[in-house]
Protein backbone atom coordinates (compact mmCIF):
# COMPACT_ATOMS: atom_id res chain seq x y z
CA UNK A 1 0.00 0.00 0.00
CA UNK A 2 2.91 2.37 0.71
CA UNK A 3 4.19 1.86 -2.84
CA UNK A 4 0.81 2.82 -4.29
CA UNK A 5 0.58 5.95 -2.17
CA UNK A 6 4.12 6.97 -3.21
CA UNK A 7 3.22 6.52 -6.88
CA UNK A 8 0.05 8.52 -6.34
CA UNK A 9 2.01 11.30 -4.60
CA UNK A 10 4.39 11.57 -7.53
CA UNK A 11 1.52 11.64 -10.02
CA UNK A 12 -0.23 14.40 -8.09
CA UNK A 13 2.96 16.43 -7.78
CA UNK A 14 3.63 16.16 -11.51
CA UNK A 15 0.02 17.09 -12.37
CA UNK A 16 -0.05 20.11 -10.04
CA UNK A 17 3.12 21.84 -11.18
CA UNK A 18 5.89 19.72 -9.68
CA UNK A 19 7.51 19.78 -6.26
CA UNK A 20 7.52 23.10 -4.41
CA UNK A 21 10.08 23.80 -1.71
CA UNK A 22 8.63 24.83 1.65
CA UNK A 23 10.07 28.35 1.40
CA UNK A 24 8.85 28.82 -2.18
CA UNK A 25 5.11 28.29 -1.60
CA UNK A 26 4.45 32.05 -1.46
CA UNK A 27 6.05 32.50 -4.90
CA UNK A 28 4.31 29.50 -6.50
CA UNK A 29 1.82 30.85 -9.05
CA UNK A 30 -1.49 29.00 -8.71
CA UNK A 31 -4.13 31.74 -8.41
CA UNK A 32 -4.00 32.98 -12.01
CA UNK A 33 -4.42 29.54 -13.66
CA UNK A 34 -7.40 28.75 -11.39
CA UNK A 35 -8.93 32.18 -12.06
CA UNK A 36 -8.58 31.56 -15.79
CA UNK A 37 -10.34 28.19 -15.46
CA UNK A 38 -13.18 29.81 -13.52
CA UNK A 39 -13.53 32.45 -16.22
CA UNK A 40 -13.48 29.89 -19.04
CA UNK A 41 -16.06 27.66 -17.33
CA UNK A 42 -18.12 30.67 -16.15
CA UNK A 43 -18.32 29.00 -12.75
CA UNK A 44 -16.63 28.97 -9.37
CA UNK A 45 -16.71 25.18 -9.50
CA UNK A 46 -13.70 23.81 -11.37
CA UNK A 47 -13.05 20.11 -12.07
CA UNK A 48 -10.01 19.02 -10.05
CA UNK A 49 -8.57 17.26 -13.07
CA UNK A 50 -8.37 20.48 -15.05
CA UNK A 51 -6.19 22.28 -12.49
CA UNK A 52 -2.58 22.42 -13.69
CA UNK A 53 -1.01 24.26 -10.73
CA UNK A 54 -2.13 23.83 -7.16
CA UNK A 55 -0.95 24.23 -3.60
CA UNK A 56 -1.36 21.78 -0.72
CA UNK A 57 -5.15 22.04 -0.61
CA UNK A 58 -5.59 21.17 -4.28
CA UNK A 59 -2.93 18.47 -4.11
CA UNK A 60 -4.50 16.83 -1.05
CA UNK A 61 -7.90 16.71 -2.72
CA UNK A 62 -6.49 15.24 -5.93
CA UNK A 63 -4.45 12.71 -3.90
CA UNK A 64 -7.58 11.56 -2.08
CA UNK A 65 -9.60 11.21 -5.28
CA UNK A 66 -6.79 9.33 -7.07
CA UNK A 67 -6.26 6.93 -4.18
CA UNK A 68 -9.94 6.15 -3.86
CA UNK A 69 -10.61 5.74 -7.58
CA UNK A 70 -7.42 4.34 -9.06
CA UNK A 71 -6.09 2.22 -6.22
CA UNK A 72 -9.43 1.43 -4.58
CA UNK A 73 -8.43 2.15 -1.01
CA UNK A 74 -9.41 4.76 1.50
CA UNK A 75 -6.98 7.61 2.14
CA UNK A 76 -7.38 7.20 5.89
CA UNK A 77 -5.78 3.76 5.55
CA UNK A 78 -2.78 4.94 3.52
CA UNK A 79 -2.17 7.99 5.73
CA UNK A 80 -2.56 6.10 9.01
CA UNK A 81 1.11 5.13 9.10
C-alpha atoms as a PDB file:
ATOM      1  CA  UNK A   1       0.000   0.000   0.000  1.00  0.00           C
ATOM      2  CA  UNK A   2       2.909   2.370   0.712  1.00  0.00           C
ATOM      3  CA  UNK A   3       4.193   1.856  -2.842  1.00  0.00           C
ATOM      4  CA  UNK A   4       0.810   2.821  -4.294  1.00  0.00           C
ATOM      5  CA  UNK A   5       0.583   5.953  -2.170  1.00  0.00           C
ATOM      6  CA  UNK A   6       4.121   6.972  -3.214  1.00  0.00           C
ATOM      7  CA  UNK A   7       3.216   6.516  -6.877  1.00  0.00           C
ATOM      8  CA  UNK A   8       0.054   8.522  -6.336  1.00  0.00           C
ATOM      9  CA  UNK A   9       2.014  11.301  -4.602  1.00  0.00           C
ATOM     10  CA  UNK A  10       4.390  11.575  -7.532  1.00  0.00           C
ATOM     11  CA  UNK A  11       1.515  11.643 -10.022  1.00  0.00           C
ATOM     12  CA  UNK A  12      -0.233  14.402  -8.091  1.00  0.00           C
ATOM     13  CA  UNK A  13       2.957  16.430  -7.782  1.00  0.00           C
ATOM     14  CA  UNK A  14       3.626  16.164 -11.514  1.00  0.00           C
ATOM     15  CA  UNK A  15       0.017  17.094 -12.366  1.00  0.00           C
ATOM     16  CA  UNK A  16      -0.047  20.113 -10.037  1.00  0.00           C
ATOM     17  CA  UNK A  17       3.118  21.837 -11.180  1.00  0.00           C
ATOM     18  CA  UNK A  18       5.886  19.715  -9.682  1.00  0.00           C
ATOM     19  CA  UNK A  19       7.510  19.775  -6.263  1.00  0.00           C
ATOM     20  CA  UNK A  20       7.518  23.095  -4.409  1.00  0.00           C
ATOM     21  CA  UNK A  21      10.083  23.800  -1.705  1.00  0.00           C
ATOM     22  CA  UNK A  22       8.634  24.833   1.649  1.00  0.00           C
ATOM     23  CA  UNK A  23      10.072  28.352   1.398  1.00  0.00           C
ATOM     24  CA  UNK A  24       8.850  28.825  -2.179  1.00  0.00           C
ATOM     25  CA  UNK A  25       5.114  28.285  -1.605  1.00  0.00           C
ATOM     26  CA  UNK A  26       4.451  32.045  -1.461  1.00  0.00           C
ATOM     27  CA  UNK A  27       6.052  32.498  -4.899  1.00  0.00           C
ATOM     28  CA  UNK A  28       4.306  29.496  -6.504  1.00  0.00           C
ATOM     29  CA  UNK A  29       1.823  30.846  -9.049  1.00  0.00           C
ATOM     30  CA  UNK A  30      -1.486  29.003  -8.706  1.00  0.00           C
ATOM     31  CA  UNK A  31      -4.131  31.739  -8.412  1.00  0.00           C
ATOM     32  CA  UNK A  32      -3.998  32.982 -12.006  1.00  0.00           C
ATOM     33  CA  UNK A  33      -4.425  29.543 -13.657  1.00  0.00           C
ATOM     34  CA  UNK A  34      -7.401  28.751 -11.394  1.00  0.00           C
ATOM     35  CA  UNK A  35      -8.935  32.176 -12.057  1.00  0.00           C
ATOM     36  CA  UNK A  36      -8.580  31.560 -15.793  1.00  0.00           C
ATOM     37  CA  UNK A  37     -10.337  28.194 -15.458  1.00  0.00           C
ATOM     38  CA  UNK A  38     -13.183  29.811 -13.520  1.00  0.00           C
ATOM     39  CA  UNK A  39     -13.529  32.452 -16.219  1.00  0.00           C
ATOM     40  CA  UNK A  40     -13.478  29.888 -19.037  1.00  0.00           C
ATOM     41  CA  UNK A  41     -16.057  27.662 -17.330  1.00  0.00           C
ATOM     42  CA  UNK A  42     -18.117  30.666 -16.147  1.00  0.00           C
ATOM     43  CA  UNK A  43     -18.324  29.003 -12.750  1.00  0.00           C
ATOM     44  CA  UNK A  44     -16.627  28.972  -9.369  1.00  0.00           C
ATOM     45  CA  UNK A  45     -16.713  25.182  -9.500  1.00  0.00           C
ATOM     46  CA  UNK A  46     -13.700  23.812 -11.374  1.00  0.00           C
ATOM     47  CA  UNK A  47     -13.051  20.107 -12.067  1.00  0.00           C
ATOM     48  CA  UNK A  48     -10.014  19.024 -10.047  1.00  0.00           C
ATOM     49  CA  UNK A  49      -8.569  17.256 -13.070  1.00  0.00           C
ATOM     50  CA  UNK A  50      -8.373  20.480 -15.053  1.00  0.00           C
ATOM     51  CA  UNK A  51      -6.188  22.284 -12.490  1.00  0.00           C
ATOM     52  CA  UNK A  52      -2.577  22.415 -13.689  1.00  0.00           C
ATOM     53  CA  UNK A  53      -1.007  24.264 -10.735  1.00  0.00           C
ATOM     54  CA  UNK A  54      -2.127  23.833  -7.165  1.00  0.00           C
ATOM     55  CA  UNK A  55      -0.953  24.230  -3.600  1.00  0.00           C
ATOM     56  CA  UNK A  56      -1.359  21.784  -0.723  1.00  0.00           C
ATOM     57  CA  UNK A  57      -5.153  22.040  -0.612  1.00  0.00           C
ATOM     58  CA  UNK A  58      -5.593  21.170  -4.278  1.00  0.00           C
ATOM     59  CA  UNK A  59      -2.925  18.468  -4.109  1.00  0.00           C
ATOM     60  CA  UNK A  60      -4.501  16.831  -1.050  1.00  0.00           C
ATOM     61  CA  UNK A  61      -7.898  16.706  -2.720  1.00  0.00           C
ATOM     62  CA  UNK A  62      -6.486  15.239  -5.932  1.00  0.00           C
ATOM     63  CA  UNK A  63      -4.453  12.706  -3.902  1.00  0.00           C
ATOM     64  CA  UNK A  64      -7.576  11.559  -2.078  1.00  0.00           C
ATOM     65  CA  UNK A  65      -9.597  11.213  -5.285  1.00  0.00           C
ATOM     66  CA  UNK A  66      -6.788   9.325  -7.072  1.00  0.00           C
ATOM     67  CA  UNK A  67      -6.264   6.925  -4.179  1.00  0.00           C
ATOM     68  CA  UNK A  68      -9.938   6.152  -3.859  1.00  0.00           C
ATOM     69  CA  UNK A  69     -10.608   5.741  -7.583  1.00  0.00           C
ATOM     70  CA  UNK A  70      -7.419   4.336  -9.064  1.00  0.00           C
ATOM     71  CA  UNK A  71      -6.088   2.219  -6.223  1.00  0.00           C
ATOM     72  CA  UNK A  72      -9.432   1.426  -4.577  1.00  0.00           C
ATOM     73  CA  UNK A  73      -8.425   2.154  -1.012  1.00  0.00           C
ATOM     74  CA  UNK A  74      -9.410   4.763   1.497  1.00  0.00           C
ATOM     75  CA  UNK A  75      -6.978   7.608   2.142  1.00  0.00           C
ATOM     76  CA  UNK A  76      -7.379   7.202   5.886  1.00  0.00           C
ATOM     77  CA  UNK A  77      -5.777   3.756   5.549  1.00  0.00           C
ATOM     78  CA  UNK A  78      -2.781   4.935   3.522  1.00  0.00           C
ATOM     79  CA  UNK A  79      -2.173   7.985   5.729  1.00  0.00           C
ATOM     80  CA  UNK A  80      -2.556   6.103   9.008  1.00  0.00           C
ATOM     81  CA  UNK A  81       1.105   5.132   9.102  1.00  0.00           C
END
